[in-house]
């Protein structure tokens, strides 16, 4: 998935928008659990992509303070997506073990 075009502002400065977009997507994927449980599995790849994109934007110099804030917010939301995914996998495993015994 190429998100490089989302990271570049007209002045070729990284804005962190890709990280924020992917982070929001990862976080929202967790919210689909009651209606679409398998969509939650998208939280992991979206979260990883959000963190990677945010770090890339910060390393390449998100020039404006708003770009840095956007990148950090994307990283935080992506991390929540990853942690939420991991927590759900542990919960599903524990439930499966409890039901099978």
PDB file of N, CA and C in Angstrom:
ATOM      1  N   UNK A   1       0.845  -1.162   0.000  1.00  0.00           N
ATOM      2  CA  UNK A   1       0.000   0.000   0.000  1.00  0.00           C
ATOM      3  C   UNK A   1       0.893   1.228   0.000  1.00  0.00           C
ATOM      4  N   UNK A   2       0.829   2.039  -1.016  1.00  0.00           N
ATOM      5  CA  UNK A   2       1.660   3.226  -1.116  1.00  0.00           C
ATOM      6  C   UNK A   2       0.931   4.421  -0.523  1.00  0.00           C
ATOM      7  N   UNK A   3       1.540   5.006   0.486  1.00  0.00           N
ATOM      8  CA  UNK A   3       0.944   6.165   1.128  1.00  0.00           C
ATOM      9  C   UNK A   3       1.849   7.377   1.005  1.00  0.00           C
ATOM     10  N   UNK A   4       2.875   7.291   0.163  1.00  0.00           N
ATOM     11  CA  UNK A   4       3.821   8.393   0.046  1.00  0.00           C
ATOM     12  C   UNK A   4       3.155   9.671  -0.419  1.00  0.00           C
ATOM     13  N   UNK A   5       2.163   9.574  -1.296  1.00  0.00           N
ATOM     14  CA  UNK A   5       1.508  10.786  -1.783  1.00  0.00           C
ATOM     15  C   UNK A   5       0.728  11.501  -0.692  1.00  0.00           C
ATOM     16  N   UNK A   6       0.340  10.791   0.358  1.00  0.00           N
ATOM     17  CA  UNK A   6      -0.367  11.429   1.468  1.00  0.00           C
ATOM     18  C   UNK A   6       0.586  12.175   2.394  1.00  0.00           C
ATOM     19  N   UNK A   7       1.855  11.793   2.366  1.00  0.00           N
ATOM     20  CA  UNK A   7       2.826  12.383   3.276  1.00  0.00           C
ATOM     21  C   UNK A   7       3.409  13.692   2.773  1.00  0.00           C
ATOM     22  N   UNK A   8       3.202  14.006   1.521  1.00  0.00           N
ATOM     23  CA  UNK A   8       3.857  15.177   0.976  1.00  0.00           C
ATOM     24  C   UNK A   8       2.899  16.339   0.822  1.00  0.00           C
ATOM     25  N   UNK A   9       3.257  17.454   1.393  1.00  0.00           N
ATOM     26  CA  UNK A   9       2.511  18.686   1.199  1.00  0.00           C
ATOM     27  C   UNK A   9       3.015  19.334  -0.084  1.00  0.00           C
ATOM     28  N   UNK A  10       2.346  20.359  -0.572  1.00  0.00           N
ATOM     29  CA  UNK A  10       2.800  20.996  -1.811  1.00  0.00           C
ATOM     30  C   UNK A  10       4.249  21.448  -1.767  1.00  0.00           C
ATOM     31  N   UNK A  11       4.762  21.814  -0.628  1.00  0.00           N
ATOM     32  CA  UNK A  11       6.155  22.232  -0.512  1.00  0.00           C
ATOM     33  C   UNK A  11       7.106  21.082  -0.263  1.00  0.00           C
ATOM     34  N   UNK A  12       6.691  19.860  -0.500  1.00  0.00           N
ATOM     35  CA  UNK A  12       7.474  18.647  -0.291  1.00  0.00           C
ATOM     36  C   UNK A  12       7.878  18.445   1.164  1.00  0.00           C
ATOM     37  N   UNK A  13       7.112  18.964   2.080  1.00  0.00           N
ATOM     38  CA  UNK A  13       7.351  18.733   3.495  1.00  0.00           C
ATOM     39  C   UNK A  13       6.419  17.626   3.961  1.00  0.00           C
ATOM     40  N   UNK A  14       6.923  16.741   4.759  1.00  0.00           N
ATOM     41  CA  UNK A  14       6.097  15.651   5.275  1.00  0.00           C
ATOM     42  C   UNK A  14       5.089  16.200   6.266  1.00  0.00           C
ATOM     43  N   UNK A  15       3.848  15.760   6.133  1.00  0.00           N
ATOM     44  CA  UNK A  15       2.775  16.277   6.979  1.00  0.00           C
ATOM     45  C   UNK A  15       2.293  15.276   8.007  1.00  0.00           C
ATOM     46  N   UNK A  16       2.559  13.983   7.811  1.00  0.00           N
ATOM     47  CA  UNK A  16       2.089  12.966   8.739  1.00  0.00           C
ATOM     48  C   UNK A  16       0.649  12.557   8.522  1.00  0.00           C
ATOM     49  N   UNK A  17       0.017  13.029   7.465  1.00  0.00           N
ATOM     50  CA  UNK A  17      -1.389  12.695   7.220  1.00  0.00           C
ATOM     51  C   UNK A  17      -1.598  11.205   6.970  1.00  0.00           C
ATOM     52  N   UNK A  18      -0.641  10.556   6.319  1.00  0.00           N
ATOM     53  CA  UNK A  18      -0.787   9.112   6.092  1.00  0.00           C
ATOM     54  C   UNK A  18      -0.821   8.373   7.416  1.00  0.00           C
ATOM     55  N   UNK A  19       0.053   8.773   8.326  1.00  0.00           N
ATOM     56  CA  UNK A  19       0.078   8.135   9.645  1.00  0.00           C
ATOM     57  C   UNK A  19      -1.227   8.347  10.380  1.00  0.00           C
ATOM     58  N   UNK A  20      -1.744   9.569  10.331  1.00  0.00           N
ATOM     59  CA  UNK A  20      -3.003   9.849  11.016  1.00  0.00           C
ATOM     60  C   UNK A  20      -4.151   9.060  10.390  1.00  0.00           C
ATOM     61  N   UNK A  21      -4.210   9.023   9.075  1.00  0.00           N
ATOM     62  CA  UNK A  21      -5.278   8.295   8.384  1.00  0.00           C
ATOM     63  C   UNK A  21      -5.225   6.807   8.706  1.00  0.00           C
ATOM     64  N   UNK A  22      -4.041   6.221   8.641  1.00  0.00           N
ATOM     65  CA  UNK A  22      -3.893   4.796   8.940  1.00  0.00           C
ATOM     66  C   UNK A  22      -4.156   4.510  10.414  1.00  0.00           C
ATOM     67  N   UNK A  23      -3.713   5.411  11.289  1.00  0.00           N
ATOM     68  CA  UNK A  23      -3.958   5.234  12.722  1.00  0.00           C
ATOM     69  C   UNK A  23      -5.433   5.265  13.058  1.00  0.00           C
ATOM     70  N   UNK A  24      -6.151   6.210  12.454  1.00  0.00           N
ATOM     71  CA  UNK A  24      -7.599   6.281  12.665  1.00  0.00           C
ATOM     72  C   UNK A  24      -8.262   5.015  12.145  1.00  0.00           C
ATOM     73  N   UNK A  25      -7.804   4.534  10.988  1.00  0.00           N
ATOM     74  CA  UNK A  25      -8.377   3.312  10.417  1.00  0.00           C
ATOM     75  C   UNK A  25      -8.138   2.111  11.329  1.00  0.00           C
ATOM     76  N   UNK A  26      -6.926   2.013  11.891  1.00  0.00           N
ATOM     77  CA  UNK A  26      -6.623   0.908  12.805  1.00  0.00           C
ATOM     78  C   UNK A  26      -7.499   0.976  14.047  1.00  0.00           C
ATOM     79  N   UNK A  27      -7.664   2.176  14.580  1.00  0.00           N
ATOM     80  CA  UNK A  27      -8.474   2.351  15.777  1.00  0.00           C
ATOM     81  C   UNK A  27      -9.940   2.043  15.488  1.00  0.00           C
ATOM     82  N   UNK A  28     -10.440   2.495  14.346  1.00  0.00           N
ATOM     83  CA  UNK A  28     -11.831   2.233  13.986  1.00  0.00           C
ATOM     84  C   UNK A  28     -12.074   0.756  13.687  1.00  0.00           C
ATOM     85  N   UNK A  29     -11.060   0.059  13.185  1.00  0.00           N
ATOM     86  CA  UNK A  29     -11.210  -1.370  12.920  1.00  0.00           C
ATOM     87  C   UNK A  29     -11.525  -2.120  14.214  1.00  0.00           C
ATOM     88  N   UNK A  30     -10.967  -1.647  15.323  1.00  0.00           N
ATOM     89  CA  UNK A  30     -11.266  -2.285  16.612  1.00  0.00           C
ATOM     90  C   UNK A  30     -12.731  -2.088  16.988  1.00  0.00           C
ATOM     91  N   UNK A  31     -13.307  -0.976  16.582  1.00  0.00           N
ATOM     92  CA  UNK A  31     -14.694  -0.689  16.908  1.00  0.00           C
ATOM     93  C   UNK A  31     -15.697  -1.529  16.139  1.00  0.00           C
ATOM     94  N   UNK A  32     -15.227  -2.258  15.133  1.00  0.00           N
ATOM     95  CA  UNK A  32     -16.138  -3.087  14.344  1.00  0.00           C
ATOM     96  C   UNK A  32     -16.387  -4.441  14.990  1.00  0.00           C
ATOM     97  N   UNK A  33     -15.778  -4.703  16.128  1.00  0.00           N
ATOM     98  CA  UNK A  33     -15.879  -6.025  16.761  1.00  0.00           C
ATOM     99  C   UNK A  33     -17.315  -6.513  16.940  1.00  0.00           C
ATOM    100  N   UNK A  34     -18.237  -5.705  17.449  1.00  0.00           N
ATOM    101  CA  UNK A  34     -19.591  -6.244  17.637  1.00  0.00           C
ATOM    102  C   UNK A  34     -20.282  -6.623  16.322  1.00  0.00           C
ATOM    103  N   UNK A  35     -20.054  -5.856  15.260  1.00  0.00           N
ATOM    104  CA  UNK A  35     -20.781  -6.097  14.010  1.00  0.00           C
ATOM    105  C   UNK A  35     -20.006  -6.986  13.039  1.00  0.00           C
ATOM    106  N   UNK A  36     -18.734  -6.721  12.883  1.00  0.00           N
ATOM    107  CA  UNK A  36     -17.907  -7.451  11.905  1.00  0.00           C
ATOM    108  C   UNK A  36     -16.622  -7.921  12.580  1.00  0.00           C
ATOM    109  N   UNK A  37     -16.683  -9.025  13.322  1.00  0.00           N
ATOM    110  CA  UNK A  37     -15.531  -9.423  14.138  1.00  0.00           C
ATOM    111  C   UNK A  37     -14.241  -9.653  13.358  1.00  0.00           C
ATOM    112  N   UNK A  38     -14.327 -10.137  12.123  1.00  0.00           N
ATOM    113  CA  UNK A  38     -13.094 -10.426  11.388  1.00  0.00           C
ATOM    114  C   UNK A  38     -12.439  -9.177  10.816  1.00  0.00           C
ATOM    115  N   UNK A  39     -13.171  -8.077  10.756  1.00  0.00           N
ATOM    116  CA  UNK A  39     -12.587  -6.818  10.301  1.00  0.00           C
ATOM    117  C   UNK A  39     -11.577  -6.292  11.313  1.00  0.00           C
ATOM    118  N   UNK A  40     -11.702  -6.744  12.559  1.00  0.00           N
ATOM    119  CA  UNK A  40     -10.752  -6.358  13.607  1.00  0.00           C
ATOM    120  C   UNK A  40      -9.336  -6.780  13.233  1.00  0.00           C
ATOM    121  N   UNK A  41      -9.206  -7.837  12.460  1.00  0.00           N
ATOM    122  CA  UNK A  41      -7.880  -8.312  12.072  1.00  0.00           C
ATOM    123  C   UNK A  41      -7.119  -7.275  11.262  1.00  0.00           C
ATOM    124  N   UNK A  42      -7.813  -6.324  10.655  1.00  0.00           N
ATOM    125  CA  UNK A  42      -7.145  -5.258   9.908  1.00  0.00           C
ATOM    126  C   UNK A  42      -6.442  -4.260  10.822  1.00  0.00           C
ATOM    127  N   UNK A  43      -6.755  -4.268  12.098  1.00  0.00           N
ATOM    128  CA  UNK A  43      -6.135  -3.319  13.018  1.00  0.00           C
ATOM    129  C   UNK A  43      -4.624  -3.515  13.083  1.00  0.00           C
ATOM    130  N   UNK A  44      -4.145  -4.733  12.968  1.00  0.00           N
ATOM    131  CA  UNK A  44      -2.701  -4.968  13.045  1.00  0.00           C
ATOM    132  C   UNK A  44      -1.958  -4.372  11.857  1.00  0.00           C
ATOM    133  N   UNK A  45      -2.285  -4.741  10.611  1.00  0.00           N
ATOM    134  CA  UNK A  45      -1.517  -4.145   9.506  1.00  0.00           C
ATOM    135  C   UNK A  45      -1.707  -2.635   9.389  1.00  0.00           C
ATOM    136  N   UNK A  46      -2.896  -2.140   9.676  1.00  0.00           N
ATOM    137  CA  UNK A  46      -3.113  -0.696   9.622  1.00  0.00           C
ATOM    138  C   UNK A  46      -2.331   0.012  10.722  1.00  0.00           C
ATOM    139  N   UNK A  47      -2.282  -0.585  11.901  1.00  0.00           N
ATOM    140  CA  UNK A  47      -1.523  -0.001  13.007  1.00  0.00           C
ATOM    141  C   UNK A  47      -0.035   0.025  12.725  1.00  0.00           C
ATOM    142  N   UNK A  48       0.484  -1.061  12.187  1.00  0.00           N
ATOM    143  CA  UNK A  48       1.908  -1.120  11.845  1.00  0.00           C
ATOM    144  C   UNK A  48       2.232  -0.083  10.769  1.00  0.00           C
ATOM    145  N   UNK A  49       1.366   0.022   9.764  1.00  0.00           N
ATOM    146  CA  UNK A  49       1.586   1.008   8.701  1.00  0.00           C
ATOM    147  C   UNK A  49       1.521   2.432   9.252  1.00  0.00           C
ATOM    148  N   UNK A  50       0.623   2.688  10.197  1.00  0.00           N
ATOM    149  CA  UNK A  50       0.505   4.025  10.788  1.00  0.00           C
ATOM    150  C   UNK A  50       1.761   4.385  11.568  1.00  0.00           C
ATOM    151  N   UNK A  51       2.258   3.449  12.361  1.00  0.00           N
ATOM    152  CA  UNK A  51       3.469   3.711  13.141  1.00  0.00           C
ATOM    153  C   UNK A  51       4.654   3.929  12.208  1.00  0.00           C
ATOM    154  N   UNK A  52       4.804   3.074  11.208  1.00  0.00           N
ATOM    155  CA  UNK A  52       5.922   3.212  10.274  1.00  0.00           C
ATOM    156  C   UNK A  52       5.842   4.533   9.511  1.00  0.00           C
ATOM    157  N   UNK A  53       4.657   4.899   9.061  1.00  0.00           N
ATOM    158  CA  UNK A  53       4.485   6.145   8.320  1.00  0.00           C
ATOM    159  C   UNK A  53       4.757   7.360   9.203  1.00  0.00           C
ATOM    160  N   UNK A  54       4.303   7.318  10.441  1.00  0.00           N
ATOM    161  CA  UNK A  54       4.544   8.416  11.365  1.00  0.00           C
ATOM    162  C   UNK A  54       6.013   8.591  11.681  1.00  0.00           C
ATOM    163  N   UNK A  55       6.687   7.479  11.902  1.00  0.00           N
ATOM    164  CA  UNK A  55       8.124   7.550  12.176  1.00  0.00           C
ATOM    165  C   UNK A  55       8.863   8.074  10.958  1.00  0.00           C
ATOM    166  N   UNK A  56       8.464   7.613   9.773  1.00  0.00           N
ATOM    167  CA  UNK A  56       9.097   8.084   8.533  1.00  0.00           C
ATOM    168  C   UNK A  56       8.888   9.589   8.369  1.00  0.00           C
ATOM    169  N   UNK A  57       7.681  10.070   8.657  1.00  0.00           N
ATOM    170  CA  UNK A  57       7.410  11.502   8.533  1.00  0.00           C
ATOM    171  C   UNK A  57       8.244  12.302   9.531  1.00  0.00           C
ATOM    172  N   UNK A  58       8.383  11.795  10.747  1.00  0.00           N
ATOM    173  CA  UNK A  58       9.186  12.497  11.744  1.00  0.00           C
ATOM    174  C   UNK A  58      10.665  12.477  11.384  1.00  0.00           C
ATOM    175  N   UNK A  59      11.142  11.366  10.868  1.00  0.00           N
ATOM    176  CA  UNK A  59      12.559  11.260  10.499  1.00  0.00           C
ATOM    177  C   UNK A  59      12.903  12.130   9.305  1.00  0.00           C
ATOM    178  N   UNK A  60      11.935  12.280   8.391  1.00  0.00           N
ATOM    179  CA  UNK A  60      12.180  13.103   7.207  1.00  0.00           C
ATOM    180  C   UNK A  60      11.851  14.559   7.468  1.00  0.00           C
ATOM    181  N   UNK A  61      11.490  14.870   8.660  1.00  0.00           N
ATOM    182  CA  UNK A  61      11.308  16.252   9.060  1.00  0.00           C
ATOM    183  C   UNK A  61       9.949  16.837   8.764  1.00  0.00           C
ATOM    184  N   UNK A  62       8.956  16.424   9.499  1.00  0.00           N
ATOM    185  CA  UNK A  62       7.652  17.080   9.404  1.00  0.00           C
ATOM    186  C   UNK A  62       7.884  18.510   9.873  1.00  0.00           C
ATOM    187  N   UNK A  63       7.832  19.445   8.949  1.00  0.00           N
ATOM    188  CA  UNK A  63       8.311  20.805   9.200  1.00  0.00           C
ATOM    189  C   UNK A  63       7.446  21.574  10.193  1.00  0.00           C
ATOM    190  N   UNK A  64       6.173  21.615   9.960  1.00  0.00           N
ATOM    191  CA  UNK A  64       5.297  22.421  10.814  1.00  0.00           C
ATOM    192  C   UNK A  64       4.976  21.671  12.101  1.00  0.00           C
ATOM    193  N   UNK A  65       4.732  22.417  13.170  1.00  0.00           N
ATOM    194  CA  UNK A  65       4.314  21.752  14.412  1.00  0.00           C
ATOM    195  C   UNK A  65       3.063  20.898  14.208  1.00  0.00           C
ATOM    196  N   UNK A  66       2.163  21.353  13.353  1.00  0.00           N
ATOM    197  CA  UNK A  66       0.957  20.559  13.110  1.00  0.00           C
ATOM    198  C   UNK A  66       1.310  19.232  12.439  1.00  0.00           C
ATOM    199  N   UNK A  67       2.343  19.211  11.605  1.00  0.00           N
ATOM    200  CA  UNK A  67       2.791  17.963  10.982  1.00  0.00           C
ATOM    201  C   UNK A  67       3.362  16.998  11.992  1.00  0.00           C
ATOM    202  N   UNK A  68       4.108  17.520  12.954  1.00  0.00           N
ATOM    203  CA  UNK A  68       4.656  16.667  14.017  1.00  0.00           C
ATOM    204  C   UNK A  68       3.536  16.141  14.909  1.00  0.00           C
ATOM    205  N   UNK A  69       2.580  16.998  15.225  1.00  0.00           N
ATOM    206  CA  UNK A  69       1.441  16.573  16.057  1.00  0.00           C
ATOM    207  C   UNK A  69       0.629  15.508  15.326  1.00  0.00           C
ATOM    208  N   UNK A  70       0.421  15.707  14.031  1.00  0.00           N
ATOM    209  CA  UNK A  70      -0.327  14.736  13.236  1.00  0.00           C
ATOM    210  C   UNK A  70       0.396  13.402  13.206  1.00  0.00           C
ATOM    211  N   UNK A  71       1.722  13.443  13.038  1.00  0.00           N
ATOM    212  CA  UNK A  71       2.506  12.205  13.009  1.00  0.00           C
ATOM    213  C   UNK A  71       2.444  11.471  14.338  1.00  0.00           C
ATOM    214  N   UNK A  72       2.609  12.202  15.418  1.00  0.00           N
ATOM    215  CA  UNK A  72       2.585  11.592  16.751  1.00  0.00           C
ATOM    216  C   UNK A  72       1.191  11.042  17.062  1.00  0.00           C
ATOM    217  N   UNK A  73       0.151  11.758  16.653  1.00  0.00           N
ATOM    218  CA  UNK A  73      -1.215  11.269  16.856  1.00  0.00           C
ATOM    219  C   UNK A  73      -1.440   9.989  16.063  1.00  0.00           C
ATOM    220  N   UNK A  74      -0.954   9.951  14.823  1.00  0.00           N
ATOM    221  CA  UNK A  74      -1.067   8.740  14.008  1.00  0.00           C
ATOM    222  C   UNK A  74      -0.322   7.573  14.629  1.00  0.00           C
ATOM    223  N   UNK A  75       0.862   7.841  15.148  1.00  0.00           N
ATOM    224  CA  UNK A  75       1.640   6.786  15.818  1.00  0.00           C
ATOM    225  C   UNK A  75       0.886   6.276  17.045  1.00  0.00           C
ATOM    226  N   UNK A  76       0.308   7.196  17.822  1.00  0.00           N
ATOM    227  CA  UNK A  76      -0.427   6.794  19.027  1.00  0.00           C
ATOM    228  C   UNK A  76      -1.653   5.959  18.669  1.00  0.00           C
ATOM    229  N   UNK A  77      -2.419   6.403  17.679  1.00  0.00           N
ATOM    230  CA  UNK A  77      -3.605   5.642  17.284  1.00  0.00           C
ATOM    231  C   UNK A  77      -3.227   4.298  16.670  1.00  0.00           C
ATOM    232  N   UNK A  78      -2.150   4.276  15.887  1.00  0.00           N
ATOM    233  CA  UNK A  78      -1.673   3.009  15.328  1.00  0.00           C
ATOM    234  C   UNK A  78      -1.224   2.054  16.419  1.00  0.00           C
ATOM    235  N   UNK A  79      -0.555   2.596  17.428  1.00  0.00           N
ATOM    236  CA  UNK A  79      -0.127   1.763  18.557  1.00  0.00           C
ATOM    237  C   UNK A  79      -1.318   1.215  19.326  1.00  0.00           C
ATOM    238  N   UNK A  80      -2.354   2.043  19.498  1.00  0.00           N
ATOM    239  CA  UNK A  80      -3.569   1.552  20.144  1.00  0.00           C
ATOM    240  C   UNK A  80      -4.222   0.451  19.321  1.00  0.00           C
ATOM    241  N   UNK A  81      -4.175   0.584  18.000  1.00  0.00           N
ATOM    242  CA  UNK A  81      -4.704  -0.464  17.134  1.00  0.00           C
ATOM    243  C   UNK A  81      -3.946  -1.768  17.305  1.00  0.00           C
ATOM    244  N   UNK A  82      -2.623  -1.670  17.376  1.00  0.00           N
ATOM    245  CA  UNK A  82      -1.782  -2.866  17.555  1.00  0.00           C
ATOM    246  C   UNK A  82      -2.039  -3.498  18.922  1.00  0.00           C
ATOM    247  N   UNK A  83      -2.054  -2.670  19.971  1.00  0.00           N
ATOM    248  CA  UNK A  83      -2.289  -3.189  21.323  1.00  0.00           C
ATOM    249  C   UNK A  83      -3.693  -3.770  21.463  1.00  0.00           C
ATOM    250  N   UNK A  84      -4.674  -3.115  20.862  1.00  0.00           N
ATOM    251  CA  UNK A  84      -6.037  -3.637  20.900  1.00  0.00           C
ATOM    252  C   UNK A  84      -6.151  -4.963  20.186  1.00  0.00           C
ATOM    253  N   UNK A  85      -5.485  -5.068  19.047  1.00  0.00           N
ATOM    254  CA  UNK A  85      -5.482  -6.327  18.293  1.00  0.00           C
ATOM    255  C   UNK A  85      -4.856  -7.427  19.144  1.00  0.00           C
ATOM    256  N   UNK A  86      -3.703  -7.124  19.756  1.00  0.00           N
ATOM    257  CA  UNK A  86      -3.020  -8.121  20.580  1.00  0.00           C
ATOM    258  C   UNK A  86      -3.893  -8.542  21.770  1.00  0.00           C
ATOM    259  N   UNK A  87      -4.549  -7.584  22.396  1.00  0.00           N
ATOM    260  CA  UNK A  87      -5.418  -7.906  23.536  1.00  0.00           C
ATOM    261  C   UNK A  87      -6.580  -8.792  23.098  1.00  0.00           C
ATOM    262  N   UNK A  88      -7.148  -8.503  21.942  1.00  0.00           N
ATOM    263  CA  UNK A  88      -8.250  -9.333  21.451  1.00  0.00           C
ATOM    264  C   UNK A  88      -7.779 -10.744  21.107  1.00  0.00           C
ATOM    265  N   UNK A  89      -6.588 -10.875  20.553  1.00  0.00           N
ATOM    266  CA  UNK A  89      -6.075 -12.202  20.231  1.00  0.00           C
ATOM    267  C   UNK A  89      -5.851 -13.012  21.507  1.00  0.00           C
ATOM    268  N   UNK A  90      -5.324 -12.371  22.549  1.00  0.00           N
ATOM    269  CA  UNK A  90      -5.130 -13.056  23.832  1.00  0.00           C
ATOM    270  C   UNK A  90      -6.487 -13.441  24.426  1.00  0.00           C
ATOM    271  N   UNK A  91      -7.441 -12.527  24.360  1.00  0.00           N
ATOM    272  CA  UNK A  91      -8.778 -12.810  24.885  1.00  0.00           C
ATOM    273  C   UNK A  91      -9.427 -13.966  24.137  1.00  0.00           C
ATOM    274  N   UNK A  92      -9.349 -13.956  22.801  1.00  0.00           N
ATOM    275  CA  UNK A  92      -9.921 -15.051  22.019  1.00  0.00           C
ATOM    276  C   UNK A  92      -9.241 -16.378  22.343  1.00  0.00           C
ATOM    277  N   UNK A  93      -7.926 -16.342  22.545  1.00  0.00           N
ATOM    278  CA  UNK A  93      -7.198 -17.561  22.905  1.00  0.00           C
ATOM    279  C   UNK A  93      -7.662 -18.086  24.270  1.00  0.00           C
ATOM    280  N   UNK A  94      -7.766 -17.181  25.248  1.00  0.00           N
ATOM    281  CA  UNK A  94      -8.181 -17.604  26.594  1.00  0.00           C
ATOM    282  C   UNK A  94      -9.614 -18.145  26.595  1.00  0.00           C
ATOM    283  N   UNK A  95     -10.482 -17.514  25.855  1.00  0.00           N
ATOM    284  CA  UNK A  95     -11.869 -18.003  25.755  1.00  0.00           C
ATOM    285  C   UNK A  95     -11.888 -19.373  25.098  1.00  0.00           C
ATOM    286  N   UNK A  96     -11.096 -19.543  24.048  1.00  0.00           N
ATOM    287  CA  UNK A  96     -11.034 -20.831  23.364  1.00  0.00           C
ATOM    288  C   UNK A  96     -10.511 -21.922  24.297  1.00  0.00           C
ATOM    289  N   UNK A  97      -9.499 -21.597  25.096  1.00  0.00           N
ATOM    290  CA  UNK A  97      -8.968 -22.565  26.048  1.00  0.00           C
ATOM    291  C   UNK A  97      -9.997 -22.892  27.127  1.00  0.00           C
ATOM    292  N   UNK A  98     -10.729 -21.904  27.594  1.00  0.00           N
ATOM    293  CA  UNK A  98     -11.732 -22.136  28.632  1.00  0.00           C
ATOM    294  C   UNK A  98     -12.898 -22.970  28.100  1.00  0.00           C
ATOM    295  N   UNK A  99     -13.282 -22.727  26.860  1.00  0.00           N
ATOM    296  CA  UNK A  99     -14.397 -23.461  26.284  1.00  0.00           C
ATOM    297  C   UNK A  99     -14.004 -24.897  25.967  1.00  0.00           C
ATOM    298  N   UNK A 100     -12.764 -25.115  25.564  1.00  0.00           N
ATOM    299  CA  UNK A 100     -12.346 -26.450  25.178  1.00  0.00           C
ATOM    300  C   UNK A 100     -12.094 -27.376  26.369  1.00  0.00           C
ATOM    301  N   UNK A 101     -12.011 -26.811  27.568  1.00  0.00           N
ATOM    302  CA  UNK A 101     -11.788 -27.653  28.764  1.00  0.00           C
ATOM    303  C   UNK A 101     -13.044 -27.893  29.455  1.00  0.00           C
TER     304      UNK A 101
END
